[in-house]
Amino acid sequence: MSELRIEGYASLFWTRDLNDDVTAAGAFRESLQAGPIRMLHQHDEAEPVGVWDEAFEDTRGLFVRGRIITATPRGRLAATLVRAGALDGLSIGFRQVKARRDGALRVLSRVDLWEVSIVTFPMLPQARLAVVD
């Protein structure tokens, strides 16, 4: 099976995204203990494109490491675009469990993390992936 290894930060703690959301440290803890997180392309649940082998919180944010599986057409497309540099964003799909308002910001202190997608335009512009050699 052919695959492309990638990694990066899917979320950065205390960093405002384009939707005025800020994620607090520890927000993903329960979801990460519950089981594997899905890897999708552009949040399309119809065709997963790989697997996240690791997902954990560190002092900076939510770090993910995984493999795009190129045995499927969508996986081949995603891997080709990542290799070309046309696709390098990461984005989280989640449900808010606990949050509070802080002025214009929504501070997410606990979320139910469903998936981390490889995307063209991440809601958090700093959420980027890199190919692992």
C-alpha atoms as a PDB file:
ATOM      1  CA  MET A   1       0.000   0.000   0.000  1.00  0.00           C
ATOM      2  CA  SER A   2       1.384   3.367  -0.989  1.00  0.00           C
ATOM      3  CA  GLU A   3       1.133   6.237   1.429  1.00  0.00           C
ATOM      4  CA  LEU A   4       2.368   9.750   2.162  1.00  0.00           C
ATOM      5  CA  ARG A   5       3.402  10.585   5.743  1.00  0.00           C
ATOM      6  CA  ILE A   6       2.358  13.987   7.051  1.00  0.00           C
ATOM      7  CA  GLU A   7       2.302  15.871  10.349  1.00  0.00           C
ATOM      8  CA  GLY A   8       1.438  19.251  11.776  1.00  0.00           C
ATOM      9  CA  TYR A   9      -0.603  21.289  14.210  1.00  0.00           C
ATOM     10  CA  ALA A  10      -4.350  21.017  13.618  1.00  0.00           C
ATOM     11  CA  SER A  11      -5.045  23.587  16.351  1.00  0.00           C
ATOM     12  CA  LEU A  12      -2.956  26.055  18.315  1.00  0.00           C
ATOM     13  CA  PHE A  13      -3.948  26.948  21.855  1.00  0.00           C
ATOM     14  CA  TRP A  14      -4.930  30.535  22.620  1.00  0.00           C
ATOM     15  CA  THR A  15      -4.776  31.504  18.932  1.00  0.00           C
ATOM     16  CA  ARG A  16      -7.773  33.278  17.386  1.00  0.00           C
ATOM     17  CA  ASP A  17      -9.100  31.700  14.201  1.00  0.00           C
ATOM     18  CA  LEU A  18     -11.076  33.335  11.386  1.00  0.00           C
ATOM     19  CA  ASN A  19     -14.336  32.431  13.147  1.00  0.00           C
ATOM     20  CA  ASP A  20     -13.267  34.231  16.368  1.00  0.00           C
ATOM     21  CA  ASP A  21     -12.751  30.898  18.169  1.00  0.00           C
ATOM     22  CA  VAL A  22      -9.897  30.285  20.592  1.00  0.00           C
ATOM     23  CA  THR A  23      -9.088  26.796  21.854  1.00  0.00           C
ATOM     24  CA  ALA A  24      -7.953  26.388  25.456  1.00  0.00           C
ATOM     25  CA  ALA A  25      -5.250  23.912  26.437  1.00  0.00           C
ATOM     26  CA  GLY A  26      -6.837  20.608  27.402  1.00  0.00           C
ATOM     27  CA  ALA A  27      -9.905  21.071  25.176  1.00  0.00           C
ATOM     28  CA  PHE A  28      -9.195  17.891  23.207  1.00  0.00           C
ATOM     29  CA  ARG A  29      -8.125  15.647  26.099  1.00  0.00           C
ATOM     30  CA  GLU A  30     -11.314  13.594  26.450  1.00  0.00           C
ATOM     31  CA  SER A  31     -11.788  13.131  22.697  1.00  0.00           C
ATOM     32  CA  LEU A  32      -8.239  11.902  22.270  1.00  0.00           C
ATOM     33  CA  GLN A  33      -8.778   9.302  24.992  1.00  0.00           C
ATOM     34  CA  ALA A  34     -12.032   8.126  23.372  1.00  0.00           C
ATOM     35  CA  GLY A  35     -10.487   6.658  20.230  1.00  0.00           C
ATOM     36  CA  PRO A  36      -9.036   7.360  16.812  1.00  0.00           C
ATOM     37  CA  ILE A  37      -9.624  10.638  14.992  1.00  0.00           C
ATOM     38  CA  ARG A  38     -10.605  10.423  11.316  1.00  0.00           C
ATOM     39  CA  MET A  39      -8.552  11.937   8.462  1.00  0.00           C
ATOM     40  CA  LEU A  40     -10.737  13.550   5.817  1.00  0.00           C
ATOM     41  CA  HIS A  41     -10.177  15.698   2.744  1.00  0.00           C
ATOM     42  CA  GLN A  42     -11.973  19.075   2.935  1.00  0.00           C
ATOM     43  CA  HIS A  43     -14.278  17.772   5.745  1.00  0.00           C
ATOM     44  CA  ASP A  44     -15.930  15.287   3.354  1.00  0.00           C
ATOM     45  CA  GLU A  45     -16.965  12.331   5.507  1.00  0.00           C
ATOM     46  CA  ALA A  46     -17.868  10.266   2.434  1.00  0.00           C
ATOM     47  CA  GLU A  47     -14.245   9.487   1.578  1.00  0.00           C
ATOM     48  CA  PRO A  48     -11.590   9.308   4.286  1.00  0.00           C
ATOM     49  CA  VAL A  49      -8.119   9.762   2.780  1.00  0.00           C
ATOM     50  CA  GLY A  50      -5.897   8.239   5.438  1.00  0.00           C
ATOM     51  CA  VAL A  51      -5.305   7.647   9.114  1.00  0.00           C
ATOM     52  CA  TRP A  52      -3.936   9.692  11.966  1.00  0.00           C
ATOM     53  CA  ASP A  53      -1.433   7.429  13.722  1.00  0.00           C
ATOM     54  CA  GLU A  54      -0.857   9.965  16.490  1.00  0.00           C
ATOM     55  CA  ALA A  55      -2.874  12.858  17.856  1.00  0.00           C
ATOM     56  CA  PHE A  56      -1.899  14.571  21.091  1.00  0.00           C
ATOM     57  CA  GLU A  57      -1.877  17.866  22.916  1.00  0.00           C
ATOM     58  CA  ASP A  58       1.450  19.456  23.774  1.00  0.00           C
ATOM     59  CA  THR A  59       2.168  22.918  25.155  1.00  0.00           C
ATOM     60  CA  ARG A  60       1.553  24.506  21.739  1.00  0.00           C
ATOM     61  CA  GLY A  61      -1.622  22.807  20.539  1.00  0.00           C
ATOM     62  CA  LEU A  62      -3.096  19.704  18.936  1.00  0.00           C
ATOM     63  CA  PHE A  63      -0.404  17.855  16.990  1.00  0.00           C
ATOM     64  CA  VAL A  64      -1.243  15.123  14.481  1.00  0.00           C
ATOM     65  CA  ARG A  65       0.909  12.661  12.549  1.00  0.00           C
ATOM     66  CA  GLY A  66      -0.458  10.241   9.984  1.00  0.00           C
ATOM     67  CA  ARG A  67      -0.547   8.732   6.515  1.00  0.00           C
ATOM     68  CA  ILE A  68      -2.500   9.646   3.411  1.00  0.00           C
ATOM     69  CA  ILE A  69      -3.402   6.322   1.772  1.00  0.00           C
ATOM     70  CA  THR A  70      -3.007   6.552  -1.987  1.00  0.00           C
ATOM     71  CA  ALA A  71      -4.832   3.290  -2.809  1.00  0.00           C
ATOM     72  CA  THR A  72      -8.058   5.277  -3.287  1.00  0.00           C
ATOM     73  CA  PRO A  73      -8.746   7.973  -5.904  1.00  0.00           C
ATOM     74  CA  ARG A  74      -9.385  10.661  -3.255  1.00  0.00           C
ATOM     75  CA  GLY A  75      -6.228   9.645  -1.367  1.00  0.00           C
ATOM     76  CA  ARG A  76      -4.151   9.842  -4.565  1.00  0.00           C
ATOM     77  CA  LEU A  77      -5.598  13.282  -5.311  1.00  0.00           C
ATOM     78  CA  ALA A  78      -4.902  14.571  -1.789  1.00  0.00           C
ATOM     79  CA  ALA A  79      -1.358  13.163  -1.751  1.00  0.00           C
ATOM     80  CA  THR A  80      -0.578  14.638  -5.171  1.00  0.00           C
ATOM     81  CA  LEU A  81      -1.826  18.076  -4.109  1.00  0.00           C
ATOM     82  CA  VAL A  82       0.103  17.913  -0.814  1.00  0.00           C
ATOM     83  CA  ARG A  83       3.328  16.919  -2.613  1.00  0.00           C
ATOM     84  CA  ALA A  84       2.837  19.810  -5.071  1.00  0.00           C
ATOM     85  CA  GLY A  85       2.314  22.308  -2.249  1.00  0.00           C
ATOM     86  CA  ALA A  86      -1.248  23.116  -3.350  1.00  0.00           C
ATOM     87  CA  LEU A  87      -2.816  21.595  -0.243  1.00  0.00           C
ATOM     88  CA  ASP A  88      -1.164  22.248   3.121  1.00  0.00           C
ATOM     89  CA  GLY A  89      -3.840  23.233   5.639  1.00  0.00           C
ATOM     90  CA  LEU A  90      -5.312  21.336   8.578  1.00  0.00           C
ATOM     91  CA  SER A  91      -8.772  21.917  10.013  1.00  0.00           C
ATOM     92  CA  ILE A  92     -10.665  20.351  12.891  1.00  0.00           C
ATOM     93  CA  GLY A  93     -14.229  19.068  12.755  1.00  0.00           C
ATOM     94  CA  PHE A  94     -15.786  19.171  16.209  1.00  0.00           C
ATOM     95  CA  ARG A  95     -18.809  19.770  18.392  1.00  0.00           C
ATOM     96  CA  GLN A  96     -18.582  22.332  21.177  1.00  0.00           C
ATOM     97  CA  VAL A  97     -19.060  20.726  24.609  1.00  0.00           C
ATOM     98  CA  LYS A  98     -17.993  23.581  26.884  1.00  0.00           C
ATOM     99  CA  ALA A  99     -17.242  27.180  25.925  1.00  0.00           C
ATOM    100  CA  ARG A 100     -17.512  30.719  27.216  1.00  0.00           C
ATOM    101  CA  ARG A 101     -17.674  34.147  25.630  1.00  0.00           C
ATOM    102  CA  ASP A 102     -14.814  36.579  26.094  1.00  0.00           C
ATOM    103  CA  GLY A 103     -15.906  39.695  24.237  1.00  0.00           C
ATOM    104  CA  ALA A 104     -16.082  38.774  20.562  1.00  0.00           C
ATOM    105  CA  LEU A 105     -14.261  35.497  21.159  1.00  0.00           C
ATOM    106  CA  ARG A 106     -15.668  32.040  21.845  1.00  0.00           C
ATOM    107  CA  VAL A 107     -13.202  30.245  24.121  1.00  0.00           C
ATOM    108  CA  LEU A 108     -13.517  26.492  23.618  1.00  0.00           C
ATOM    109  CA  SER A 109     -12.544  24.656  26.796  1.00  0.00           C
ATOM    110  CA  ARG A 110     -13.880  21.233  25.821  1.00  0.00           C
ATOM    111  CA  VAL A 111     -14.746  19.884  22.383  1.00  0.00           C
ATOM    112  CA  ASP A 112     -15.810  16.579  20.924  1.00  0.00           C
ATOM    113  CA  LEU A 113     -13.220  16.191  18.153  1.00  0.00           C
ATOM    114  CA  TRP A 114     -14.653  14.215  15.219  1.00  0.00           C
ATOM    115  CA  GLU A 115     -11.965  14.580  12.582  1.00  0.00           C
ATOM    116  CA  VAL A 116      -8.954  16.485  11.310  1.00  0.00           C
ATOM    117  CA  SER A 117      -9.132  17.362   7.620  1.00  0.00           C
ATOM    118  CA  ILE A 118      -6.535  18.235   5.045  1.00  0.00           C
ATOM    119  CA  VAL A 119      -7.850  21.491   3.570  1.00  0.00           C
ATOM    120  CA  THR A 120      -7.014  24.276   1.160  1.00  0.00           C
ATOM    121  CA  PHE A 121      -8.027  27.128   3.461  1.00  0.00           C
ATOM    122  CA  PRO A 122      -7.859  26.361   7.197  1.00  0.00           C
ATOM    123  CA  MET A 123     -10.017  28.383   9.598  1.00  0.00           C
ATOM    124  CA  LEU A 124      -6.834  28.778  11.657  1.00  0.00           C
ATOM    125  CA  PRO A 125      -4.320  30.037   9.060  1.00  0.00           C
ATOM    126  CA  GLN A 126      -1.348  28.759  11.097  1.00  0.00           C
ATOM    127  CA  ALA A 127      -2.676  25.163  11.100  1.00  0.00           C
ATOM    128  CA  ARG A 128      -0.419  23.654   8.455  1.00  0.00           C
ATOM    129  CA  LEU A 129       0.943  20.238   7.587  1.00  0.00           C
ATOM    130  CA  ALA A 130       4.350  19.102   6.405  1.00  0.00           C
ATOM    131  CA  VAL A 131       5.438  15.996   4.546  1.00  0.00           C
ATOM    132  CA  VAL A 132       7.558  13.684   6.677  1.00  0.00           C
ATOM    133  CA  ASP A 133      10.443  12.048   4.781  1.00  0.00           C
END
